[in-house]
C-alpha cells in the first residue's frame, strides 16, 4: 500500500497543535459523516493514530506533533495515488490556515 508523508512547520507549540488537530478531526468526521465509516482515532502522547473507510477504501496513519512541527504519514489505497497532488495541496492549504 502506498504511503504519503506530509510535513508542516509552524510557530505553534506541540500542545497548541494538538488542540487544533483534535478540533480538526472532530469537525472533519462530523462534516463527512455520510462519506466516512468506521472512523477511529486516539492520541498516545503527541501521536494521533487514525483509521477510517472512505468510498470502501481503508485509510490509516498517524500524526506526530512537536513544538513547531506537524508530521502526517498515512497508508493510502492504490486508487488514491492519482489524487496525491490534490491531497498534498489540501494539506498545505489547511496547515497554513490552522497552524501558522
PDB file of N, CA and C in Angstrom:
ATOM      1  N   UNK A   1       0.848  -1.172   0.000  1.00  0.00           N
ATOM      2  CA  UNK A   1       0.000   0.000   0.000  1.00  0.00           C
ATOM      3  C   UNK A   1       0.899   1.242   0.000  1.00  0.00           C
ATOM      4  N   UNK A   2       0.635   2.195  -0.868  1.00  0.00           N
ATOM      5  CA  UNK A   2       1.473   3.402  -0.927  1.00  0.00           C
ATOM      6  C   UNK A   2       1.307   4.261   0.323  1.00  0.00           C
ATOM      7  N   UNK A   3       2.367   4.966   0.654  1.00  0.00           N
ATOM      8  CA  UNK A   3       2.351   5.876   1.805  1.00  0.00           C
ATOM      9  C   UNK A   3       2.453   7.301   1.303  1.00  0.00           C
ATOM     10  N   UNK A   4       1.874   8.202   2.081  1.00  0.00           N
ATOM     11  CA  UNK A   4       2.051   9.613   1.833  1.00  0.00           C
ATOM     12  C   UNK A   4       2.616  10.221   3.109  1.00  0.00           C
ATOM     13  N   UNK A   5       3.598  11.090   2.957  1.00  0.00           N
ATOM     14  CA  UNK A   5       4.216  11.766   4.099  1.00  0.00           C
ATOM     15  C   UNK A   5       4.066  13.266   3.882  1.00  0.00           C
ATOM     16  N   UNK A   6       3.514  13.917   4.893  1.00  0.00           N
ATOM     17  CA  UNK A   6       3.264  15.351   4.825  1.00  0.00           C
ATOM     18  C   UNK A   6       3.905  16.009   6.045  1.00  0.00           C
ATOM     19  N   UNK A   7       4.410  17.210   5.865  1.00  0.00           N
ATOM     20  CA  UNK A   7       5.095  17.917   6.948  1.00  0.00           C
ATOM     21  C   UNK A   7       4.774  19.400   6.853  1.00  0.00           C
ATOM     22  N   UNK A   8       4.598  20.020   8.029  1.00  0.00           N
ATOM     23  CA  UNK A   8       4.353  21.459   8.071  1.00  0.00           C
ATOM     24  C   UNK A   8       5.064  22.051   9.286  1.00  0.00           C
ATOM     25  N   UNK A   9       5.831  23.086   9.053  1.00  0.00           N
ATOM     26  CA  UNK A   9       6.493  23.824  10.132  1.00  0.00           C
ATOM     27  C   UNK A   9       5.584  24.971  10.557  1.00  0.00           C
ATOM     28  N   UNK A  10       5.591  25.250  11.849  1.00  0.00           N
ATOM     29  CA  UNK A  10       4.690  26.243  12.417  1.00  0.00           C
ATOM     30  C   UNK A  10       5.352  26.945  13.597  1.00  0.00           C
ATOM     31  N   UNK A  11       4.763  28.040  14.010  1.00  0.00           N
ATOM     32  CA  UNK A  11       5.267  28.753  15.190  1.00  0.00           C
ATOM     33  C   UNK A  11       4.582  28.268  16.470  1.00  0.00           C
ATOM     34  N   UNK A  12       3.654  27.342  16.345  1.00  0.00           N
ATOM     35  CA  UNK A  12       2.874  26.876  17.491  1.00  0.00           C
ATOM     36  C   UNK A  12       3.613  25.810  18.311  1.00  0.00           C
ATOM     37  N   UNK A  13       3.227  25.712  19.564  1.00  0.00           N
ATOM     38  CA  UNK A  13       3.772  24.666  20.432  1.00  0.00           C
ATOM     39  C   UNK A  13       3.048  23.351  20.150  1.00  0.00           C
ATOM     40  N   UNK A  14       3.620  22.273  20.629  1.00  0.00           N
ATOM     41  CA  UNK A  14       3.006  20.948  20.443  1.00  0.00           C
ATOM     42  C   UNK A  14       1.606  20.906  21.043  1.00  0.00           C
ATOM     43  N   UNK A  15       1.408  21.494  22.214  1.00  0.00           N
ATOM     44  CA  UNK A  15       0.078  21.463  22.843  1.00  0.00           C
ATOM     45  C   UNK A  15      -0.940  22.276  22.043  1.00  0.00           C
ATOM     46  N   UNK A  16      -0.520  23.384  21.447  1.00  0.00           N
ATOM     47  CA  UNK A  16      -1.425  24.175  20.606  1.00  0.00           C
ATOM     48  C   UNK A  16      -1.787  23.402  19.334  1.00  0.00           C
ATOM     49  N   UNK A  17      -0.805  22.775  18.738  1.00  0.00           N
ATOM     50  CA  UNK A  17      -1.049  21.982  17.532  1.00  0.00           C
ATOM     51  C   UNK A  17      -2.009  20.839  17.853  1.00  0.00           C
ATOM     52  N   UNK A  18      -1.764  20.168  18.960  1.00  0.00           N
ATOM     53  CA  UNK A  18      -2.585  19.020  19.350  1.00  0.00           C
ATOM     54  C   UNK A  18      -4.040  19.440  19.560  1.00  0.00           C
ATOM     55  N   UNK A  19      -4.274  20.552  20.223  1.00  0.00           N
ATOM     56  CA  UNK A  19      -5.633  21.032  20.467  1.00  0.00           C
ATOM     57  C   UNK A  19      -6.341  21.351  19.148  1.00  0.00           C
ATOM     58  N   UNK A  20      -5.638  22.003  18.238  1.00  0.00           N
ATOM     59  CA  UNK A  20      -6.234  22.342  16.946  1.00  0.00           C
ATOM     60  C   UNK A  20      -6.454  21.088  16.097  1.00  0.00           C
ATOM     61  N   UNK A  21      -5.533  20.148  16.156  1.00  0.00           N
ATOM     62  CA  UNK A  21      -5.678  18.902  15.403  1.00  0.00           C
ATOM     63  C   UNK A  21      -6.880  18.103  15.917  1.00  0.00           C
ATOM     64  N   UNK A  22      -7.097  18.112  17.209  1.00  0.00           N
ATOM     65  CA  UNK A  22      -8.244  17.414  17.800  1.00  0.00           C
ATOM     66  C   UNK A  22      -9.546  18.020  17.279  1.00  0.00           C
ATOM     67  N   UNK A  23      -9.640  19.346  17.283  1.00  0.00           N
ATOM     68  CA  UNK A  23     -10.840  20.009  16.753  1.00  0.00           C
ATOM     69  C   UNK A  23     -11.028  19.704  15.270  1.00  0.00           C
ATOM     70  N   UNK A  24      -9.933  19.708  14.528  1.00  0.00           N
ATOM     71  CA  UNK A  24      -9.988  19.419  13.100  1.00  0.00           C
ATOM     72  C   UNK A  24     -10.542  18.017  12.851  1.00  0.00           C
ATOM     73  N   UNK A  25     -10.084  17.034  13.617  1.00  0.00           N
ATOM     74  CA  UNK A  25     -10.565  15.653  13.459  1.00  0.00           C
ATOM     75  C   UNK A  25     -12.060  15.568  13.758  1.00  0.00           C
ATOM     76  N   UNK A  26     -12.490  16.160  14.864  1.00  0.00           N
ATOM     77  CA  UNK A  26     -13.912  16.106  15.220  1.00  0.00           C
ATOM     78  C   UNK A  26     -14.780  16.789  14.161  1.00  0.00           C
ATOM     79  N   UNK A  27     -14.341  17.962  13.701  1.00  0.00           N
ATOM     80  CA  UNK A  27     -15.103  18.701  12.693  1.00  0.00           C
ATOM     81  C   UNK A  27     -15.158  17.941  11.370  1.00  0.00           C
ATOM     82  N   UNK A  28     -14.031  17.367  10.953  1.00  0.00           N
ATOM     83  CA  UNK A  28     -13.982  16.628   9.689  1.00  0.00           C
ATOM     84  C   UNK A  28     -14.881  15.402   9.747  1.00  0.00           C
ATOM     85  N   UNK A  29     -14.859  14.687  10.857  1.00  0.00           N
ATOM     86  CA  UNK A  29     -15.710  13.498  10.983  1.00  0.00           C
ATOM     87  C   UNK A  29     -17.184  13.881  10.952  1.00  0.00           C
ATOM     88  N   UNK A  30     -17.524  14.994  11.566  1.00  0.00           N
ATOM     89  CA  UNK A  30     -18.912  15.456  11.539  1.00  0.00           C
ATOM     90  C   UNK A  30     -19.299  15.902  10.125  1.00  0.00           C
ATOM     91  N   UNK A  31     -18.426  16.626   9.460  1.00  0.00           N
ATOM     92  CA  UNK A  31     -18.707  17.140   8.126  1.00  0.00           C
ATOM     93  C   UNK A  31     -18.854  16.017   7.100  1.00  0.00           C
ATOM     94  N   UNK A  32     -18.041  14.988   7.229  1.00  0.00           N
ATOM     95  CA  UNK A  32     -18.031  13.912   6.243  1.00  0.00           C
ATOM     96  C   UNK A  32     -18.660  12.622   6.776  1.00  0.00           C
ATOM     97  N   UNK A  33     -19.554  12.746   7.743  1.00  0.00           N
ATOM     98  CA  UNK A  33     -20.124  11.566   8.387  1.00  0.00           C
ATOM     99  C   UNK A  33     -20.832  10.618   7.425  1.00  0.00           C
ATOM    100  N   UNK A  34     -21.325  11.121   6.306  1.00  0.00           N
ATOM    101  CA  UNK A  34     -22.019  10.257   5.357  1.00  0.00           C
ATOM    102  C   UNK A  34     -21.090   9.691   4.290  1.00  0.00           C
ATOM    103  N   UNK A  35     -19.843  10.134   4.275  1.00  0.00           N
ATOM    104  CA  UNK A  35     -18.874   9.644   3.298  1.00  0.00           C
ATOM    105  C   UNK A  35     -17.801   8.778   3.937  1.00  0.00           C
ATOM    106  N   UNK A  36     -17.715   8.829   5.270  1.00  0.00           N
ATOM    107  CA  UNK A  36     -16.670   8.129   6.014  1.00  0.00           C
ATOM    108  C   UNK A  36     -17.336   7.157   6.978  1.00  0.00           C
ATOM    109  N   UNK A  37     -16.770   5.955   7.084  1.00  0.00           N
ATOM    110  CA  UNK A  37     -17.291   4.987   8.053  1.00  0.00           C
ATOM    111  C   UNK A  37     -16.138   4.387   8.848  1.00  0.00           C
ATOM    112  N   UNK A  38     -16.489   3.715   9.918  1.00  0.00           N
ATOM    113  CA  UNK A  38     -15.519   3.024  10.777  1.00  0.00           C
ATOM    114  C   UNK A  38     -14.400   3.953  11.258  1.00  0.00           C
ATOM    115  N   UNK A  39     -14.710   5.223  11.440  1.00  0.00           N
ATOM    116  CA  UNK A  39     -13.673   6.185  11.848  1.00  0.00           C
ATOM    117  C   UNK A  39     -13.296   5.974  13.310  1.00  0.00           C
ATOM    118  N   UNK A  40     -11.989   5.870  13.513  1.00  0.00           N
ATOM    119  CA  UNK A  40     -11.438   5.715  14.857  1.00  0.00           C
ATOM    120  C   UNK A  40     -10.151   6.524  14.939  1.00  0.00           C
ATOM    121  N   UNK A  41      -9.938   7.150  16.075  1.00  0.00           N
ATOM    122  CA  UNK A  41      -8.651   7.799  16.307  1.00  0.00           C
ATOM    123  C   UNK A  41      -8.403   7.877  17.801  1.00  0.00           C
ATOM    124  N   UNK A  42      -7.142   7.914  18.142  1.00  0.00           N
ATOM    125  CA  UNK A  42      -6.780   8.039  19.553  1.00  0.00           C
ATOM    126  C   UNK A  42      -5.406   8.688  19.657  1.00  0.00           C
ATOM    127  N   UNK A  43      -5.266   9.452  20.701  1.00  0.00           N
ATOM    128  CA  UNK A  43      -3.980  10.082  20.995  1.00  0.00           C
ATOM    129  C   UNK A  43      -3.189   9.183  21.929  1.00  0.00           C
ATOM    130  N   UNK A  44      -1.931   9.081  21.688  1.00  0.00           N
ATOM    131  CA  UNK A  44      -0.985   8.449  22.606  1.00  0.00           C
ATOM    132  C   UNK A  44       0.159   9.448  22.713  1.00  0.00           C
ATOM    133  N   UNK A  45       0.118  10.245  23.777  1.00  0.00           N
ATOM    134  CA  UNK A  45       1.085  11.332  23.909  1.00  0.00           C
ATOM    135  C   UNK A  45       0.858  12.342  22.800  1.00  0.00           C
ATOM    136  N   UNK A  46       1.894  12.632  22.048  1.00  0.00           N
ATOM    137  CA  UNK A  46       1.794  13.585  20.941  1.00  0.00           C
ATOM    138  C   UNK A  46       1.660  12.881  19.594  1.00  0.00           C
ATOM    139  N   UNK A  47       1.146  11.662  19.609  1.00  0.00           N
ATOM    140  CA  UNK A  47       0.897  10.910  18.379  1.00  0.00           C
ATOM    141  C   UNK A  47      -0.595  10.607  18.286  1.00  0.00           C
ATOM    142  N   UNK A  48      -1.155  10.920  17.146  1.00  0.00           N
ATOM    143  CA  UNK A  48      -2.551  10.621  16.868  1.00  0.00           C
ATOM    144  C   UNK A  48      -2.593   9.491  15.845  1.00  0.00           C
ATOM    145  N   UNK A  49      -3.191   8.372  16.220  1.00  0.00           N
ATOM    146  CA  UNK A  49      -3.348   7.237  15.318  1.00  0.00           C
ATOM    147  C   UNK A  49      -4.781   7.261  14.797  1.00  0.00           C
ATOM    148  N   UNK A  50      -4.939   7.090  13.481  1.00  0.00           N
ATOM    149  CA  UNK A  50      -6.280   7.174  12.909  1.00  0.00           C
ATOM    150  C   UNK A  50      -6.530   6.058  11.896  1.00  0.00           C
ATOM    151  N   UNK A  51      -7.825   5.769  11.704  1.00  0.00           N
ATOM    152  CA  UNK A  51      -8.283   4.791  10.724  1.00  0.00           C
ATOM    153  C   UNK A  51      -9.689   5.194  10.299  1.00  0.00           C
ATOM    154  N   UNK A  52      -9.983   5.077   9.019  1.00  0.00           N
ATOM    155  CA  UNK A  52     -11.344   5.262   8.527  1.00  0.00           C
ATOM    156  C   UNK A  52     -11.472   4.613   7.155  1.00  0.00           C
ATOM    157  N   UNK A  53     -12.716   4.456   6.736  1.00  0.00           N
ATOM    158  CA  UNK A  53     -13.008   3.960   5.389  1.00  0.00           C
ATOM    159  C   UNK A  53     -13.731   5.076   4.632  1.00  0.00           C
ATOM    160  N   UNK A  54     -13.302   5.275   3.392  1.00  0.00           N
ATOM    161  CA  UNK A  54     -13.943   6.255   2.521  1.00  0.00           C
ATOM    162  C   UNK A  54     -14.130   5.606   1.166  1.00  0.00           C
ATOM    163  N   UNK A  55     -15.342   5.629   0.667  1.00  0.00           N
ATOM    164  CA  UNK A  55     -15.670   5.007  -0.614  1.00  0.00           C
ATOM    165  C   UNK A  55     -15.202   3.550  -0.656  1.00  0.00           C
ATOM    166  N   UNK A  56     -15.303   2.871   0.485  1.00  0.00           N
ATOM    167  CA  UNK A  56     -14.932   1.467   0.561  1.00  0.00           C
ATOM    168  C   UNK A  56     -13.456   1.191   0.764  1.00  0.00           C
ATOM    169  N   UNK A  57     -12.635   2.232   0.769  1.00  0.00           N
ATOM    170  CA  UNK A  57     -11.188   2.062   0.928  1.00  0.00           C
ATOM    171  C   UNK A  57     -10.772   2.357   2.365  1.00  0.00           C
ATOM    172  N   UNK A  58      -9.865   1.553   2.891  1.00  0.00           N
ATOM    173  CA  UNK A  58      -9.330   1.757   4.235  1.00  0.00           C
ATOM    174  C   UNK A  58      -8.144   2.715   4.177  1.00  0.00           C
ATOM    175  N   UNK A  59      -8.143   3.676   5.089  1.00  0.00           N
ATOM    176  CA  UNK A  59      -7.057   4.650   5.193  1.00  0.00           C
ATOM    177  C   UNK A  59      -6.640   4.711   6.650  1.00  0.00           C
ATOM    178  N   UNK A  60      -5.337   4.586   6.890  1.00  0.00           N
ATOM    179  CA  UNK A  60      -4.848   4.641   8.267  1.00  0.00           C
ATOM    180  C   UNK A  60      -3.516   5.372   8.289  1.00  0.00           C
ATOM    181  N   UNK A  61      -3.171   5.845   9.484  1.00  0.00           N
ATOM    182  CA  UNK A  61      -1.900   6.532   9.607  1.00  0.00           C
ATOM    183  C   UNK A  61      -1.727   7.146  10.969  1.00  0.00           C
ATOM    184  N   UNK A  62      -0.777   8.054  11.039  1.00  0.00           N
ATOM    185  CA  UNK A  62      -0.531   8.739  12.300  1.00  0.00           C
ATOM    186  C   UNK A  62      -0.072  10.164  12.042  1.00  0.00           C
ATOM    187  N   UNK A  63      -0.358  10.990  13.042  1.00  0.00           N
ATOM    188  CA  UNK A  63       0.066  12.379  13.053  1.00  0.00           C
ATOM    189  C   UNK A  63       0.978  12.531  14.259  1.00  0.00           C
ATOM    190  N   UNK A  64       2.123  13.138  14.055  1.00  0.00           N
ATOM    191  CA  UNK A  64       3.057  13.400  15.143  1.00  0.00           C
ATOM    192  C   UNK A  64       3.168  14.911  15.286  1.00  0.00           C
ATOM    193  N   UNK A  65       2.992  15.402  16.511  1.00  0.00           N
ATOM    194  CA  UNK A  65       3.140  16.836  16.750  1.00  0.00           C
ATOM    195  C   UNK A  65       4.322  17.079  17.685  1.00  0.00           C
ATOM    196  N   UNK A  66       5.059  18.107  17.353  1.00  0.00           N
ATOM    197  CA  UNK A  66       6.187  18.572  18.171  1.00  0.00           C
ATOM    198  C   UNK A  66       6.124  20.084  18.171  1.00  0.00           C
ATOM    199  N   UNK A  67       6.855  20.700  19.051  1.00  0.00           N
ATOM    200  CA  UNK A  67       6.902  22.151  19.011  1.00  0.00           C
ATOM    201  C   UNK A  67       7.371  22.576  17.627  1.00  0.00           C
ATOM    202  N   UNK A  68       6.537  23.365  16.951  1.00  0.00           N
ATOM    203  CA  UNK A  68       6.902  23.899  15.645  1.00  0.00           C
ATOM    204  C   UNK A  68       6.766  22.961  14.471  1.00  0.00           C
ATOM    205  N   UNK A  69       6.165  21.777  14.668  1.00  0.00           N
ATOM    206  CA  UNK A  69       6.137  20.808  13.576  1.00  0.00           C
ATOM    207  C   UNK A  69       4.942  19.866  13.686  1.00  0.00           C
ATOM    208  N   UNK A  70       4.328  19.589  12.538  1.00  0.00           N
ATOM    209  CA  UNK A  70       3.299  18.561  12.446  1.00  0.00           C
ATOM    210  C   UNK A  70       3.670  17.643  11.287  1.00  0.00           C
ATOM    211  N   UNK A  71       3.675  16.345  11.549  1.00  0.00           N
ATOM    212  CA  UNK A  71       4.026  15.327  10.550  1.00  0.00           C
ATOM    213  C   UNK A  71       2.846  14.379  10.401  1.00  0.00           C
ATOM    214  N   UNK A  72       2.509  14.069   9.168  1.00  0.00           N
ATOM    215  CA  UNK A  72       1.428  13.126   8.891  1.00  0.00           C
ATOM    216  C   UNK A  72       1.982  12.049   7.971  1.00  0.00           C
ATOM    217  N   UNK A  73       1.735  10.812   8.335  1.00  0.00           N
ATOM    218  CA  UNK A  73       2.101   9.683   7.480  1.00  0.00           C
ATOM    219  C   UNK A  73       0.891   8.771   7.412  1.00  0.00           C
ATOM    220  N   UNK A  74       0.476   8.440   6.190  1.00  0.00           N
ATOM    221  CA  UNK A  74      -0.723   7.624   6.025  1.00  0.00           C
ATOM    222  C   UNK A  74      -0.526   6.595   4.924  1.00  0.00           C
ATOM    223  N   UNK A  75      -1.189   5.463   5.109  1.00  0.00           N
ATOM    224  CA  UNK A  75      -1.274   4.441   4.069  1.00  0.00           C
ATOM    225  C   UNK A  75      -2.492   4.764   3.222  1.00  0.00           C
ATOM    226  N   UNK A  76      -2.288   4.836   1.925  1.00  0.00           N
ATOM    227  CA  UNK A  76      -3.375   5.150   1.012  1.00  0.00           C
ATOM    228  C   UNK A  76      -3.691   3.952   0.129  1.00  0.00           C
ATOM    229  N   UNK A  77      -4.938   3.809  -0.252  1.00  0.00           N
ATOM    230  CA  UNK A  77      -5.256   2.772  -1.236  1.00  0.00           C
ATOM    231  C   UNK A  77      -4.638   3.162  -2.578  1.00  0.00           C
ATOM    232  N   UNK A  78      -4.367   2.173  -3.385  1.00  0.00           N
ATOM    233  CA  UNK A  78      -3.744   2.443  -4.683  1.00  0.00           C
ATOM    234  C   UNK A  78      -4.548   3.442  -5.505  1.00  0.00           C
ATOM    235  N   UNK A  79      -5.865   3.391  -5.422  1.00  0.00           N
ATOM    236  CA  UNK A  79      -6.710   4.308  -6.193  1.00  0.00           C
ATOM    237  C   UNK A  79      -6.475   5.767  -5.806  1.00  0.00           C
ATOM    238  N   UNK A  80      -6.051   6.013  -4.575  1.00  0.00           N
ATOM    239  CA  UNK A  80      -5.833   7.387  -4.103  1.00  0.00           C
ATOM    240  C   UNK A  80      -4.522   7.979  -4.601  1.00  0.00           C
ATOM    241  N   UNK A  81      -3.633   7.159  -5.117  1.00  0.00           N
ATOM    242  CA  UNK A  81      -2.343   7.650  -5.609  1.00  0.00           C
ATOM    243  C   UNK A  81      -2.559   8.707  -6.694  1.00  0.00           C
ATOM    244  N   UNK A  82      -3.615   8.554  -7.459  1.00  0.00           N
ATOM    245  CA  UNK A  82      -3.907   9.515  -8.518  1.00  0.00           C
ATOM    246  C   UNK A  82      -4.278  10.892  -7.968  1.00  0.00           C
ATOM    247  N   UNK A  83      -4.647  10.933  -6.693  1.00  0.00           N
ATOM    248  CA  UNK A  83      -5.058  12.185  -6.056  1.00  0.00           C
ATOM    249  C   UNK A  83      -4.008  12.723  -5.092  1.00  0.00           C
ATOM    250  N   UNK A  84      -2.798  12.166  -5.127  1.00  0.00           N
ATOM    251  CA  UNK A  84      -1.764  12.547  -4.169  1.00  0.00           C
ATOM    252  C   UNK A  84      -1.462  14.048  -4.220  1.00  0.00           C
ATOM    253  N   UNK A  85      -1.365  14.621  -5.403  1.00  0.00           N
ATOM    254  CA  UNK A  85      -1.089  16.061  -5.502  1.00  0.00           C
ATOM    255  C   UNK A  85      -2.208  16.883  -4.877  1.00  0.00           C
ATOM    256  N   UNK A  86      -3.447  16.479  -5.105  1.00  0.00           N
ATOM    257  CA  UNK A  86      -4.583  17.183  -4.504  1.00  0.00           C
ATOM    258  C   UNK A  86      -4.581  17.042  -2.984  1.00  0.00           C
ATOM    259  N   UNK A  87      -4.223  15.867  -2.497  1.00  0.00           N
ATOM    260  CA  UNK A  87      -4.141  15.643  -1.056  1.00  0.00           C
ATOM    261  C   UNK A  87      -3.066  16.551  -0.461  1.00  0.00           C
ATOM    262  N   UNK A  88      -1.909  16.603  -1.094  1.00  0.00           N
ATOM    263  CA  UNK A  88      -0.823  17.469  -0.617  1.00  0.00           C
ATOM    264  C   UNK A  88      -1.237  18.942  -0.632  1.00  0.00           C
ATOM    265  N   UNK A  89      -1.868  19.375  -1.718  1.00  0.00           N
ATOM    266  CA  UNK A  89      -2.299  20.768  -1.818  1.00  0.00           C
ATOM    267  C   UNK A  89      -3.298  21.123  -0.718  1.00  0.00           C
ATOM    268  N   UNK A  90      -4.266  20.235  -0.477  1.00  0.00           N
ATOM    269  CA  UNK A  90      -5.269  20.487   0.567  1.00  0.00           C
ATOM    270  C   UNK A  90      -4.624  20.500   1.946  1.00  0.00           C
ATOM    271  N   UNK A  91      -3.684  19.579   2.186  1.00  0.00           N
ATOM    272  CA  UNK A  91      -2.971  19.562   3.460  1.00  0.00           C
ATOM    273  C   UNK A  91      -2.219  20.876   3.647  1.00  0.00           C
ATOM    274  N   UNK A  92      -1.472  21.306   2.639  1.00  0.00           N
ATOM    275  CA  UNK A  92      -0.690  22.542   2.735  1.00  0.00           C
ATOM    276  C   UNK A  92      -1.593  23.742   3.010  1.00  0.00           C
ATOM    277  N   UNK A  93      -2.706  23.820   2.304  1.00  0.00           N
ATOM    278  CA  UNK A  93      -3.646  24.927   2.483  1.00  0.00           C
ATOM    279  C   UNK A  93      -4.222  24.944   3.901  1.00  0.00           C
ATOM    280  N   UNK A  94      -4.687  23.784   4.343  1.00  0.00           N
ATOM    281  CA  UNK A  94      -5.284  23.684   5.677  1.00  0.00           C
ATOM    282  C   UNK A  94      -4.244  23.941   6.761  1.00  0.00           C
ATOM    283  N   UNK A  95      -3.051  23.400   6.597  1.00  0.00           N
ATOM    284  CA  UNK A  95      -1.982  23.573   7.592  1.00  0.00           C
ATOM    285  C   UNK A  95      -1.596  25.052   7.730  1.00  0.00           C
ATOM    286  N   UNK A  96      -1.501  25.744   6.603  1.00  0.00           N
ATOM    287  CA  UNK A  96      -1.156  27.179   6.661  1.00  0.00           C
ATOM    288  C   UNK A  96      -2.213  27.970   7.413  1.00  0.00           C
ATOM    289  N   UNK A  97      -3.483  27.605   7.231  1.00  0.00           N
ATOM    290  CA  UNK A  97      -4.584  28.301   7.913  1.00  0.00           C
ATOM    291  C   UNK A  97      -4.624  27.991   9.401  1.00  0.00           C
ATOM    292  N   UNK A  98      -4.550  26.713   9.753  1.00  0.00           N
ATOM    293  CA  UNK A  98      -4.737  26.294  11.146  1.00  0.00           C
ATOM    294  C   UNK A  98      -3.478  26.350  12.007  1.00  0.00           C
ATOM    295  N   UNK A  99      -2.334  26.148  11.379  1.00  0.00           N
ATOM    296  CA  UNK A  99      -1.086  26.049  12.125  1.00  0.00           C
ATOM    297  C   UNK A  99      -0.061  27.060  11.590  1.00  0.00           C
ATOM    298  N   UNK A 100      -0.321  28.370  11.808  1.00  0.00           N
ATOM    299  CA  UNK A 100       0.577  29.402  11.241  1.00  0.00           C
ATOM    300  C   UNK A 100       1.976  29.371  11.831  1.00  0.00           C
TER     301      UNK A 100
END
